[in-house]
Amino acid sequence: MTPLQIALIVVLVIVFVVGIITYFMRGKYYDQIDVLDQKKKEVFNQAPQNELEEVRELSLTGQSSELRDQFEKKWHEIESVNYPKLENYLYEAEQATDRYRLNESKKNQEYAEQMIEELEKETNNLSAALKELIEREQANLEKIDKIKQRYHEVRKSLLAYSFSFGPASESFEEKLNLMEEDFTEFSEYTVSGDHEEAKQVIKRLADSIQETEEQMDRVPDLLTKINEEYQADIEDLQQGYAQMIEHNYIFPDDYISGDIEQLAEQKNQILESIRLLDLEAANEYMDLIARNIDQVYEKMELEISSEIKVKELLEDNKQAIYYLRDETRRLLALENRLAQSYILYHNEKEKLELMENQLIEAIKEYEVIEEKISEQSIAYSIAHSRAHYLFKKLEKLNSEKDSLAQSLIDYRKEELIYKEEMHAMEEAMYDMKRALENQRLPGLPDDYLELFFSATDRIEKLAEELAQTKVALVTVRKSHQIAEEDVIQLSRMTEEIIDQINLIERSSQRLYRFKDEHKGILETIRYSESLFNDDYDYYTSLRLLKEKLENVAPGVYSEILNDYEKEKEL
């Protein structure tokens, strides 16, 4: 077979297969359309025709009549618009399937399925609404009977326990009268056939009776609390305040009587809110009066507790004043005595005078408080506050006194420290001199001698300053620092010279061992000795020996140095 024949056969096979598949797909789509058509019929069968006929026969007015018209309009829309629209989707789907336009058919099927769901929902909702409208009258009558029963129970309670509701009884009576008007209005709407308006009246009545029942449960407790608990608190405050005034208590800006009068006004506001059945406002007022009662109690209790506290605190203030007065006198005497021996540089005299003036002011304040308490011309709480503030001032003065006392004591301590350290420096100088003498040196380097004499002069100057009739410790401190630095440096140089002397001896002895093996060793030793004996240049003398040893025997000098350091540590 030729390639053309083979290609033709393949095309024919493909066309055949596609035709078979398309045929079966068309059959499937027809089946789906039949299923949708069956669902459509089921929805049509659910149409609330009977309910519509029954509603048309009802004698309705007002909102009920308007509601019936809305249902009629809705059914007309479903019947004349939505159903034909559904029929059209199914017709288009079938036509598209006939023309092998399967995608178009599928899209119309989906529209139809969605439309069926919407129609079913709308039809069911309409049917339920129609049934409710048909049954509205009976439902309303059943609900109104239950409400009437609750109404009669409320009226019965109001008549039997009117004393429990106090000023609210009149408002409850008014509410019940309004309910009676609503009952009459319900009957009128029901007779006229306006069951929708009657339903609204029922809702209003249900809300009103529910609210009234809840209020009748709450009002007695509120009245009990305000008439018994709060009234008892107010009377207790009135009696307590009167007794405290009788015992000569004083209140700051005496607002207590006004506060108690305000509590009585707030109580009346609560009763008025209860009369108007504004129970939320009544609760807010009750929270407010409770807080205000607590505040008045706190003000009165503060004065009672402050009476004891202020007397104890004044005694503490008196003891503190006596103590500080004695301490100030002692410090003034100490300052006068020290001023003869030292130049004081912390303004101690001025500070003591200021402290003395502050103490005088504190004494005056103490006397004023004590006098006012004695005369009963000041509230105990205010007196306590002033006494507490005064005690804090005295505590601060005491802290300043301690600091000043330490400052004065430190003059003598500082002088003794400098004298001890001066003697220590003199001993150190003597020890360094003896240590060098023990080395039997031919002489000392010029820089060492210069520093030695300088340190000696400075120690002598420090001694002279410490021996003055009035010691200037500021000057002594500077002289001590300079002398101390010289002694430290001299001690370091002394140790270096002694180390050099010992290392020169050991290095020279070790180097001498190599005199036969290496040339120039004896010349180095002799030159080192010349520097040692003639120039007192111990540093250079040791350096020459070290360099020669490192040249002829590397590492030997390090051994000598390590051995020497170990011996020093022992």
Protein backbone atom coordinates (compact mmCIF):
# COMPACT_ATOMS: atom_id res chain seq x y z
CA MET A 1 0.00 0.00 0.00
CA THR A 2 1.11 3.46 -0.76
CA PRO A 3 1.65 6.05 1.98
CA LEU A 4 -1.34 7.99 0.65
CA GLN A 5 -3.60 4.97 1.04
CA ILE A 6 -2.33 4.35 4.61
CA ALA A 7 -2.97 8.02 5.56
CA LEU A 8 -6.46 7.85 4.10
CA ILE A 9 -7.25 4.72 6.11
CA VAL A 10 -6.00 6.35 9.36
CA VAL A 11 -8.16 9.42 8.73
CA LEU A 12 -11.20 7.25 8.10
CA VAL A 13 -10.59 5.31 11.31
CA ILE A 14 -10.24 8.53 13.31
CA VAL A 15 -13.44 9.92 11.80
CA PHE A 16 -15.25 6.71 12.63
CA VAL A 17 -14.03 6.66 16.23
CA VAL A 18 -14.89 10.33 16.72
CA GLY A 19 -18.33 9.69 15.29
CA ILE A 20 -18.93 6.77 17.67
CA ILE A 21 -17.76 8.83 20.69
CA THR A 22 -19.90 11.79 19.64
CA TYR A 23 -22.91 9.55 19.24
CA PHE A 24 -22.59 8.14 22.72
CA MET A 25 -21.92 11.66 24.18
CA ARG A 26 -25.13 12.94 22.56
CA GLY A 27 -27.02 10.10 24.19
CA LYS A 28 -25.54 10.97 27.56
CA TYR A 29 -26.48 14.66 27.15
CA TYR A 30 -30.06 13.72 26.17
CA ASP A 31 -30.29 11.62 29.35
CA GLN A 32 -29.04 14.55 31.46
CA ILE A 33 -31.61 16.85 29.84
CA ASP A 34 -34.37 14.32 30.61
CA VAL A 35 -33.28 14.22 34.27
CA LEU A 36 -33.41 18.04 34.44
CA ASP A 37 -36.83 18.01 32.80
CA GLN A 38 -38.05 15.55 35.40
CA LYS A 39 -36.75 17.77 38.25
CA LYS A 40 -38.52 20.72 36.62
CA LYS A 41 -41.81 18.81 36.68
CA GLU A 42 -41.29 17.92 40.35
CA VAL A 43 -40.76 21.59 41.18
CA PHE A 44 -43.90 22.51 39.18
CA ASN A 45 -45.83 19.93 41.18
CA GLN A 46 -44.74 21.66 44.41
CA ALA A 47 -46.47 24.91 43.35
CA PRO A 48 -48.60 26.18 46.30
CA GLN A 49 -51.78 26.47 44.29
CA ASN A 50 -54.03 25.29 47.11
CA GLU A 51 -52.45 27.70 49.57
CA LEU A 52 -52.86 30.57 47.12
CA GLU A 53 -56.54 29.76 46.63
CA GLU A 54 -57.06 29.52 50.39
CA VAL A 55 -55.34 32.86 51.00
CA ARG A 56 -57.43 34.53 48.28
CA GLU A 57 -60.57 33.46 50.12
CA LEU A 58 -59.40 34.91 53.48
CA SER A 59 -60.84 38.22 54.63
CA LEU A 60 -57.63 40.20 55.19
CA THR A 61 -56.91 43.90 55.70
CA GLY A 62 -53.99 46.19 56.39
CA GLN A 63 -50.53 44.65 56.42
CA SER A 64 -51.93 41.14 56.02
CA SER A 65 -53.66 42.21 52.82
CA GLU A 66 -50.45 43.85 51.60
CA LEU A 67 -48.54 40.70 52.44
CA ARG A 68 -51.05 38.59 50.43
CA ASP A 69 -50.57 40.92 47.47
CA GLN A 70 -46.80 40.49 47.74
CA PHE A 71 -47.17 36.69 47.71
CA GLU A 72 -49.46 36.90 44.63
CA LYS A 73 -46.90 39.11 42.91
CA LYS A 74 -44.08 36.73 43.78
CA TRP A 75 -46.01 33.72 42.43
CA HIS A 76 -46.82 35.63 39.25
CA GLU A 77 -43.11 36.33 38.78
CA ILE A 78 -42.21 32.66 39.29
CA GLU A 79 -44.97 31.45 36.98
CA SER A 80 -44.63 33.98 34.16
CA VAL A 81 -40.89 34.75 34.22
CA ASN A 82 -38.82 32.10 35.97
CA TYR A 83 -40.59 28.97 34.70
CA PRO A 84 -40.46 30.08 31.02
CA LYS A 85 -36.79 31.00 31.51
CA LEU A 86 -36.11 27.46 32.76
CA GLU A 87 -38.02 25.96 29.82
CA ASN A 88 -35.90 28.02 27.46
CA TYR A 89 -32.59 26.76 28.99
CA LEU A 90 -33.72 23.16 28.55
CA TYR A 91 -34.91 23.80 24.98
CA GLU A 92 -31.60 25.46 24.07
CA ALA A 93 -29.67 22.58 25.61
CA GLU A 94 -31.65 20.04 23.55
CA GLN A 95 -31.24 22.04 20.33
CA ALA A 96 -27.50 22.39 20.90
CA THR A 97 -27.20 18.65 21.45
CA ASP A 98 -29.08 18.00 18.19
CA ARG A 99 -26.50 20.18 16.38
CA TYR A 100 -23.55 18.50 18.12
CA ARG A 101 -22.73 21.72 20.01
CA LEU A 102 -22.03 19.84 23.18
CA ASN A 103 -20.22 22.66 25.02
CA GLU A 104 -23.15 24.99 24.44
CA SER A 105 -25.53 22.24 25.58
CA LYS A 106 -23.51 21.68 28.77
CA LYS A 107 -23.58 25.41 29.59
CA ASN A 108 -27.39 25.58 29.17
CA GLN A 109 -27.79 22.46 31.30
CA GLU A 110 -25.79 24.14 34.09
CA TYR A 111 -27.98 27.27 33.84
CA ALA A 112 -31.08 25.11 33.97
CA GLU A 113 -29.84 23.16 37.03
CA GLN A 114 -29.07 26.39 38.87
CA MET A 115 -32.48 27.78 37.91
CA ILE A 116 -34.23 24.62 39.20
CA GLU A 117 -32.49 24.97 42.59
CA GLU A 118 -33.51 28.63 42.84
CA LEU A 119 -37.12 27.88 41.83
CA GLU A 120 -37.36 25.04 44.33
CA LYS A 121 -36.10 27.30 47.11
CA GLU A 122 -38.41 30.18 46.15
CA THR A 123 -41.41 27.85 45.81
CA ASN A 124 -40.78 26.23 49.21
CA ASN A 125 -40.31 29.65 50.87
CA LEU A 126 -43.49 30.96 49.30
CA SER A 127 -45.40 27.88 50.33
CA ALA A 128 -44.19 28.19 53.95
CA ALA A 129 -45.04 31.91 54.01
CA LEU A 130 -48.54 31.24 52.67
CA LYS A 131 -49.13 28.52 55.26
CA GLU A 132 -47.98 30.87 57.99
CA LEU A 133 -50.32 33.59 56.75
CA ILE A 134 -53.19 31.09 56.65
CA GLU A 135 -52.39 29.95 60.20
CA ARG A 136 -51.52 33.44 61.45
CA GLU A 137 -54.85 34.08 63.12
CA GLN A 138 -54.79 30.83 65.10
CA ALA A 139 -51.12 31.27 66.01
CA ASN A 140 -51.78 34.81 67.18
CA LEU A 141 -54.68 33.68 69.32
CA GLU A 142 -52.58 30.95 70.96
CA LYS A 143 -49.76 33.41 71.71
CA ILE A 144 -52.08 36.10 73.04
CA ASP A 145 -53.65 33.58 75.43
CA LYS A 146 -50.23 32.77 76.93
CA ILE A 147 -49.38 36.45 77.23
CA LYS A 148 -52.72 37.13 78.93
CA GLN A 149 -51.96 34.44 81.48
CA ARG A 150 -48.60 36.05 82.27
CA TYR A 151 -50.28 39.47 82.37
CA HIS A 152 -52.81 38.29 84.97
CA GLU A 153 -49.99 36.78 87.06
CA VAL A 154 -48.11 40.09 86.98
CA ARG A 155 -51.21 42.08 87.96
CA LYS A 156 -51.94 39.61 90.73
CA SER A 157 -48.38 40.00 92.10
CA LEU A 158 -48.60 43.76 91.85
CA LEU A 159 -51.83 43.82 93.89
CA ALA A 160 -50.61 41.32 96.48
CA TYR A 161 -47.12 42.74 97.00
CA SER A 162 -47.44 46.37 96.05
CA PHE A 163 -45.52 47.38 99.21
CA SER A 164 -42.46 45.51 97.86
CA PHE A 165 -42.30 47.70 94.77
CA GLY A 166 -42.39 51.04 96.57
CA PRO A 167 -42.35 54.02 94.22
CA ALA A 168 -42.28 51.66 91.20
CA SER A 169 -45.85 50.43 91.84
CA GLU A 170 -47.37 53.36 89.98
CA SER A 171 -45.12 52.82 86.94
CA PHE A 172 -45.95 49.10 86.89
CA GLU A 173 -49.64 50.00 86.98
CA GLU A 174 -49.16 52.34 84.02
CA LYS A 175 -47.35 49.63 82.07
CA LEU A 176 -50.17 47.16 82.72
CA ASN A 177 -52.71 49.75 81.56
CA LEU A 178 -50.75 50.19 78.33
CA MET A 179 -50.80 46.41 77.88
CA GLU A 180 -54.58 46.42 78.22
CA GLU A 181 -54.72 48.96 75.41
CA ASP A 182 -52.51 46.63 73.34
CA PHE A 183 -54.87 43.72 74.04
CA THR A 184 -57.76 45.83 72.76
CA GLU A 185 -55.74 46.82 69.68
CA PHE A 186 -54.92 43.15 69.03
CA SER A 187 -58.61 42.25 69.08
CA GLU A 188 -59.43 45.04 66.63
CA TYR A 189 -56.72 43.94 64.18
CA THR A 190 -57.80 40.32 64.49
CA VAL A 191 -61.48 41.10 63.86
CA SER A 192 -60.60 43.27 60.86
CA GLY A 193 -58.40 40.52 59.42
CA ASP A 194 -55.08 42.36 59.75
CA HIS A 195 -53.24 39.46 61.34
CA GLU A 196 -49.80 40.87 60.47
CA GLU A 197 -50.42 44.01 62.52
CA ALA A 198 -51.86 41.78 65.26
CA LYS A 199 -48.58 39.83 65.19
CA GLN A 200 -46.61 43.06 65.74
CA VAL A 201 -48.83 43.88 68.73
CA ILE A 202 -48.14 40.41 70.15
CA LYS A 203 -44.38 40.99 69.83
CA ARG A 204 -44.71 44.33 71.60
CA LEU A 205 -46.80 42.75 74.36
CA ALA A 206 -44.34 39.85 74.76
CA ASP A 207 -41.39 42.23 75.09
CA SER A 208 -43.27 44.43 77.55
CA ILE A 209 -44.44 41.53 79.77
CA GLN A 210 -40.92 40.04 79.74
CA GLU A 211 -39.41 43.37 80.74
CA THR A 212 -42.05 43.90 83.45
CA GLU A 213 -41.45 40.45 84.96
CA GLU A 214 -37.70 41.04 85.10
CA GLN A 215 -38.18 44.48 86.64
CA MET A 216 -40.57 43.14 89.26
CA ASP A 217 -37.92 40.55 90.18
CA ARG A 218 -35.19 43.19 90.55
CA VAL A 219 -36.99 46.13 92.20
CA PRO A 220 -37.57 44.57 95.67
CA ASP A 221 -33.87 43.72 96.07
CA LEU A 222 -32.85 47.20 94.98
CA LEU A 223 -35.27 48.82 97.43
CA THR A 224 -34.10 46.57 100.26
CA LYS A 225 -30.48 47.50 99.62
CA ILE A 226 -31.08 51.25 99.37
CA ASN A 227 -33.61 51.48 102.24
CA GLU A 228 -31.80 49.22 104.65
CA GLU A 229 -28.09 48.87 103.84
CA TYR A 230 -27.34 52.31 102.38
CA GLN A 231 -29.73 54.13 104.71
CA ALA A 232 -28.03 52.45 107.68
CA ASP A 233 -24.63 53.55 106.35
CA ILE A 234 -25.83 57.15 105.93
CA GLU A 235 -27.26 57.24 109.46
CA ASP A 236 -24.07 55.70 110.83
CA LEU A 237 -21.99 58.35 109.05
CA GLN A 238 -24.22 61.12 110.40
CA GLN A 239 -23.89 59.85 113.97
CA GLY A 240 -20.15 59.23 113.65
CA TYR A 241 -19.55 62.68 112.22
CA ALA A 242 -21.58 64.32 114.99
CA GLN A 243 -19.63 62.43 117.67
CA MET A 244 -16.28 63.34 116.12
CA ILE A 245 -17.24 67.02 115.95
CA GLU A 246 -18.31 66.77 119.59
CA HIS A 247 -14.85 65.39 120.44
CA ASN A 248 -13.24 68.34 118.64
CA TYR A 249 -12.08 66.49 115.53
CA ILE A 250 -11.32 68.81 112.62
CA PHE A 251 -11.70 67.81 108.98
CA PRO A 252 -9.72 69.39 106.12
CA ASP A 253 -12.00 71.87 104.32
CA ASP A 254 -14.83 70.26 106.29
CA TYR A 255 -16.75 68.71 103.37
CA ILE A 256 -17.99 65.72 105.40
CA SER A 257 -21.40 67.19 106.20
CA GLY A 258 -21.82 68.16 102.55
CA ASP A 259 -20.75 64.66 101.48
CA ILE A 260 -23.36 63.11 103.77
CA GLU A 261 -26.07 65.41 102.39
CA GLN A 262 -25.01 64.44 98.89
CA LEU A 263 -25.41 60.75 99.84
CA ALA A 264 -29.01 61.47 100.82
CA GLU A 265 -29.59 63.19 97.47
CA GLN A 266 -28.08 60.24 95.64
CA LYS A 267 -30.37 57.91 97.55
CA ASN A 268 -33.35 59.96 96.33
CA GLN A 269 -31.98 59.80 92.77
CA ILE A 270 -31.91 56.01 93.03
CA LEU A 271 -35.50 55.94 94.29
CA GLU A 272 -36.56 58.24 91.45
CA SER A 273 -34.85 55.97 88.89
CA ILE A 274 -36.65 52.99 90.40
CA ARG A 275 -39.96 54.90 90.25
CA LEU A 276 -39.35 55.49 86.53
CA LEU A 277 -38.24 51.85 86.17
CA ASP A 278 -34.85 53.02 84.82
CA LEU A 279 -33.08 50.23 86.67
CA GLU A 280 -29.79 50.58 84.78
CA ALA A 281 -29.53 54.18 85.96
CA ALA A 282 -30.47 53.01 89.45
CA ASN A 283 -27.62 50.49 89.41
CA GLU A 284 -25.16 53.15 88.28
CA TYR A 285 -26.30 55.46 91.09
CA MET A 286 -25.98 52.61 93.57
CA ASP A 287 -22.39 51.94 92.50
CA LEU A 288 -21.70 55.66 92.89
CA ILE A 289 -23.28 55.94 96.34
CA ALA A 290 -21.39 52.83 97.49
CA ARG A 291 -18.08 54.39 96.43
CA ASN A 292 -18.99 57.72 98.05
CA ILE A 293 -19.98 56.02 101.32
CA ASP A 294 -16.61 54.25 101.38
CA GLN A 295 -14.82 57.55 100.72
CA VAL A 296 -16.59 59.32 103.60
CA TYR A 297 -15.77 56.41 105.93
CA GLU A 298 -12.13 56.63 104.80
CA LYS A 299 -11.98 60.37 105.51
CA MET A 300 -13.35 59.87 109.03
CA GLU A 301 -11.16 56.83 109.72
CA LEU A 302 -8.13 58.76 108.46
CA GLU A 303 -8.61 61.40 111.16
CA ILE A 304 -9.06 58.75 113.87
CA SER A 305 -5.94 56.80 112.85
CA SER A 306 -3.95 60.01 112.28
CA GLU A 307 -4.57 61.14 115.87
CA ILE A 308 -2.47 58.28 117.24
CA LYS A 309 0.09 58.33 114.45
CA VAL A 310 0.79 62.05 114.61
CA LYS A 311 1.46 61.93 118.36
CA GLU A 312 3.91 59.06 117.90
CA LEU A 313 5.54 60.83 114.96
CA LEU A 314 5.88 64.10 116.89
CA GLU A 315 7.66 62.21 119.67
CA ASP A 316 10.04 60.77 117.06
CA ASN A 317 10.58 64.29 115.68
CA LYS A 318 11.33 65.62 119.17
CA GLN A 319 13.92 62.91 119.81
CA ALA A 320 15.49 63.53 116.41
CA ILE A 321 15.69 67.29 117.11
CA TYR A 322 17.36 66.73 120.50
CA TYR A 323 19.84 64.33 118.95
CA LEU A 324 20.68 66.59 115.99
CA ARG A 325 21.03 69.63 118.23
CA ASP A 326 23.59 67.80 120.40
CA GLU A 327 25.39 66.44 117.37
CA THR A 328 25.54 69.85 115.73
CA ARG A 329 27.08 71.35 118.86
CA ARG A 330 29.61 68.53 119.01
CA LEU A 331 30.55 68.99 115.36
CA LEU A 332 30.91 72.76 115.81
CA ALA A 333 33.34 72.14 118.66
CA LEU A 334 35.19 69.55 116.61
CA GLU A 335 35.39 71.92 113.63
CA ASN A 336 36.80 74.71 115.83
CA ARG A 337 39.38 72.33 117.25
CA LEU A 338 40.41 70.93 113.87
CA ALA A 339 40.57 74.40 112.30
CA GLN A 340 43.49 75.14 114.67
CA SER A 341 45.46 72.15 113.36
CA TYR A 342 44.37 71.89 109.74
CA ILE A 343 43.44 74.09 106.82
CA LEU A 344 39.88 72.85 106.22
CA TYR A 345 39.00 72.70 102.55
CA HIS A 346 35.43 71.25 102.43
CA ASN A 347 33.58 74.39 103.66
CA GLU A 348 32.74 72.57 106.87
CA LYS A 349 32.09 75.77 108.81
CA GLU A 350 29.53 77.05 106.26
CA LYS A 351 27.86 73.65 106.09
CA LEU A 352 27.57 73.47 109.87
CA GLU A 353 26.06 76.96 110.02
CA LEU A 354 23.54 76.02 107.32
CA MET A 355 22.69 72.81 109.19
CA GLU A 356 22.21 74.79 112.40
CA ASN A 357 19.82 77.20 110.64
CA GLN A 358 17.85 74.32 109.11
CA LEU A 359 17.57 72.71 112.53
CA ILE A 360 16.24 75.97 113.99
CA GLU A 361 13.57 76.05 111.24
CA ALA A 362 12.70 72.42 111.96
CA ILE A 363 12.26 73.23 115.67
CA LYS A 364 9.92 76.10 114.78
CA GLU A 365 7.87 73.84 112.50
CA TYR A 366 7.67 71.20 115.22
CA GLU A 367 6.48 73.79 117.76
CA VAL A 368 3.82 75.11 115.33
CA ILE A 369 2.42 71.62 114.72
CA GLU A 370 2.44 70.77 118.42
CA GLU A 371 0.74 74.06 119.28
CA LYS A 372 -1.99 73.62 116.67
CA ILE A 373 -2.72 70.11 117.89
CA SER A 374 -2.86 71.37 121.46
CA GLU A 375 -5.26 74.12 120.42
CA GLN A 376 -7.23 71.62 118.28
CA SER A 377 -7.00 74.00 115.33
CA ILE A 378 -5.64 71.54 112.77
CA ALA A 379 -6.88 68.29 111.30
CA TYR A 380 -4.91 65.28 112.52
CA SER A 381 -4.37 64.07 108.95
CA ILE A 382 -2.82 67.41 107.94
CA ALA A 383 -0.74 67.49 111.13
CA HIS A 384 0.45 63.96 110.39
CA SER A 385 1.37 64.90 106.84
CA ARG A 386 3.37 67.93 108.04
CA ALA A 387 5.04 65.91 110.80
CA HIS A 388 5.95 63.20 108.30
CA TYR A 389 7.48 65.81 105.97
CA LEU A 390 9.38 67.31 108.94
CA PHE A 391 10.73 63.90 109.89
CA LYS A 392 12.00 63.38 106.33
CA LYS A 393 13.81 66.73 106.59
CA LEU A 394 15.37 65.65 109.87
CA GLU A 395 16.46 62.36 108.31
CA LYS A 396 18.14 64.31 105.51
CA LEU A 397 19.85 66.58 108.08
CA ASN A 398 21.06 63.51 109.93
CA SER A 399 22.50 62.09 106.72
CA GLU A 400 24.27 65.39 106.04
CA LYS A 401 25.52 65.41 109.64
CA ASP A 402 27.02 61.92 109.23
CA SER A 403 28.72 62.97 106.00
CA LEU A 404 30.11 66.13 107.60
CA ALA A 405 31.27 64.26 110.72
CA GLN A 406 33.11 61.74 108.54
CA SER A 407 34.69 64.59 106.59
CA LEU A 408 36.04 66.12 109.83
CA ILE A 409 37.27 62.77 111.18
CA ASP A 410 39.04 62.09 107.89
CA TYR A 411 41.45 65.05 108.41
CA ARG A 412 43.14 63.33 111.35
CA LYS A 413 42.97 59.91 109.67
CA GLU A 414 44.51 61.31 106.50
CA GLU A 415 47.32 62.99 108.45
CA LEU A 416 48.16 59.76 110.29
CA ILE A 417 48.14 57.80 107.04
CA TYR A 418 50.56 60.25 105.41
CA LYS A 419 52.86 60.16 108.47
CA GLU A 420 52.87 56.35 108.46
CA GLU A 421 53.58 56.26 104.75
CA MET A 422 56.32 58.91 105.15
CA HIS A 423 58.02 56.75 107.79
CA ALA A 424 57.60 53.75 105.49
CA MET A 425 59.30 55.69 102.68
CA GLU A 426 62.16 56.70 104.99
CA GLU A 427 62.62 53.06 106.01
CA ALA A 428 62.53 52.01 102.37
CA MET A 429 65.24 54.55 101.53
CA TYR A 430 67.36 53.25 104.42
CA ASP A 431 66.83 49.62 103.31
CA MET A 432 67.80 50.44 99.73
CA LYS A 433 70.96 52.23 100.94
CA ARG A 434 71.97 49.25 103.12
CA ALA A 435 71.21 46.78 100.33
CA LEU A 436 73.56 48.64 97.97
CA GLU A 437 76.22 49.00 100.67
CA ASN A 438 76.12 45.24 101.19
CA GLN A 439 77.01 44.83 97.52
CA ARG A 440 80.32 46.71 98.23
CA LEU A 441 80.03 48.63 94.96
CA PRO A 442 82.78 50.90 93.72
CA GLY A 443 80.18 53.63 93.19
CA LEU A 444 76.68 54.40 91.91
CA PRO A 445 75.45 55.76 88.53
CA ASP A 446 74.78 59.51 88.37
CA ASP A 447 71.09 59.12 87.47
CA TYR A 448 70.60 56.88 90.50
CA LEU A 449 72.33 59.33 92.84
CA GLU A 450 70.29 62.20 91.42
CA LEU A 451 67.03 60.36 92.01
CA PHE A 452 68.16 59.25 95.49
CA PHE A 453 68.88 62.81 96.64
CA SER A 454 65.67 64.07 94.98
CA ALA A 455 63.59 61.47 96.85
CA THR A 456 65.34 62.36 100.08
CA ASP A 457 64.59 66.05 99.62
CA ARG A 458 60.95 65.36 98.86
CA ILE A 459 60.49 63.16 101.91
CA GLU A 460 62.02 65.92 104.01
CA LYS A 461 59.64 68.43 102.43
CA LEU A 462 56.69 66.14 103.23
CA ALA A 463 57.91 65.89 106.82
CA GLU A 464 58.11 69.68 107.09
CA GLU A 465 54.56 70.10 105.73
CA LEU A 466 53.23 67.53 108.20
CA ALA A 467 55.00 69.35 111.03
CA GLN A 468 53.28 72.68 110.30
CA THR A 469 51.11 74.25 113.01
CA LYS A 470 48.15 74.13 110.54
CA VAL A 471 48.56 71.22 108.21
CA ALA A 472 47.45 71.87 104.62
CA LEU A 473 46.43 68.37 103.61
CA VAL A 474 45.83 69.43 99.99
CA THR A 475 49.53 70.41 99.74
CA VAL A 476 50.58 67.35 101.75
CA ARG A 477 48.66 65.10 99.35
CA LYS A 478 50.56 66.46 96.33
CA SER A 479 53.99 66.25 98.09
CA HIS A 480 53.19 62.69 99.21
CA GLN A 481 52.32 61.64 95.68
CA ILE A 482 55.56 63.07 94.22
CA ALA A 483 57.74 61.58 96.99
CA GLU A 484 55.98 58.21 96.63
CA GLU A 485 56.58 58.15 92.87
CA ASP A 486 60.33 58.89 93.44
CA VAL A 487 60.66 56.15 96.06
CA ILE A 488 58.90 53.61 93.84
CA GLN A 489 61.13 54.48 90.90
CA LEU A 490 64.25 54.41 93.14
CA SER A 491 63.22 50.99 94.48
CA ARG A 492 62.90 49.70 90.94
CA MET A 493 66.37 51.11 90.00
CA THR A 494 67.91 49.67 93.18
CA GLU A 495 66.57 46.21 92.36
CA GLU A 496 67.86 46.52 88.79
CA ILE A 497 71.38 47.47 90.00
CA ILE A 498 71.48 44.54 92.46
CA ASP A 499 70.28 42.17 89.71
CA GLN A 500 72.91 43.53 87.35
CA ILE A 501 75.70 43.08 89.96
CA ASN A 502 74.76 39.44 90.59
CA LEU A 503 74.34 38.62 86.91
CA ILE A 504 77.69 40.31 86.05
CA GLU A 505 79.49 38.11 88.55
CA ARG A 506 77.85 34.89 87.33
CA SER A 507 78.19 35.74 83.65
CA SER A 508 81.85 36.70 84.05
CA GLN A 509 82.63 33.43 85.82
CA ARG A 510 80.83 31.37 83.16
CA LEU A 511 82.49 33.28 80.28
CA TYR A 512 85.93 32.80 81.80
CA ARG A 513 85.57 29.04 81.26
CA PHE A 514 85.68 29.59 77.50
CA LYS A 515 88.89 31.72 77.50
CA ASP A 516 91.02 28.92 75.99
CA GLU A 517 88.51 28.00 73.30
CA HIS A 518 87.61 31.44 71.99
CA LYS A 519 89.64 34.57 71.39
CA GLY A 520 88.75 37.94 72.86
CA ILE A 521 87.09 36.60 75.98
CA LEU A 522 89.68 37.98 78.39
CA GLU A 523 89.56 41.36 76.64
CA THR A 524 85.76 41.42 77.04
CA ILE A 525 86.02 40.53 80.70
CA ARG A 526 88.62 43.21 81.33
CA TYR A 527 86.57 45.85 79.49
CA SER A 528 83.49 44.87 81.46
CA GLU A 529 85.45 45.21 84.69
CA SER A 530 86.63 48.65 83.59
CA LEU A 531 83.03 49.80 83.04
CA PHE A 532 82.11 48.28 86.41
CA ASN A 533 84.93 49.76 88.50
CA ASP A 534 85.63 53.05 86.76
CA ASP A 535 82.35 54.23 85.19
CA TYR A 536 79.83 52.42 87.47
CA ASP A 537 78.04 51.52 84.23
CA TYR A 538 76.68 48.19 85.41
CA TYR A 539 74.09 47.99 82.65
CA THR A 540 76.66 48.19 79.81
CA SER A 541 79.09 45.93 81.70
CA LEU A 542 76.41 43.20 81.88
CA ARG A 543 75.33 43.74 78.26
CA LEU A 544 78.91 43.13 76.99
CA LEU A 545 79.18 39.87 78.94
CA LYS A 546 75.71 38.75 77.79
CA GLU A 547 76.44 39.39 74.12
CA LYS A 548 79.80 37.56 74.32
CA LEU A 549 78.19 34.57 76.05
CA GLU A 550 75.44 34.36 73.45
CA ASN A 551 78.14 34.42 70.78
CA VAL A 552 80.36 31.65 72.18
CA ALA A 553 77.68 29.59 73.98
CA PRO A 554 74.10 30.31 72.88
CA GLY A 555 71.50 29.74 75.62
CA VAL A 556 73.96 29.86 78.51
CA TYR A 557 72.95 33.37 79.60
CA SER A 558 69.27 32.31 79.65
CA GLU A 559 70.22 29.47 82.00
CA ILE A 560 72.10 31.88 84.27
CA LEU A 561 69.10 34.25 84.31
CA ASN A 562 66.58 31.45 85.04
CA ASP A 563 68.69 30.07 87.90
CA TYR A 564 69.02 33.54 89.38
CA GLU A 565 65.26 34.20 89.19
CA LYS A 566 64.53 30.90 90.93
CA GLU A 567 66.96 31.75 93.75
CA LYS A 568 65.26 35.13 94.23
CA GLU A 569 61.89 33.43 94.64
CA LEU A 570 63.16 31.16 97.44
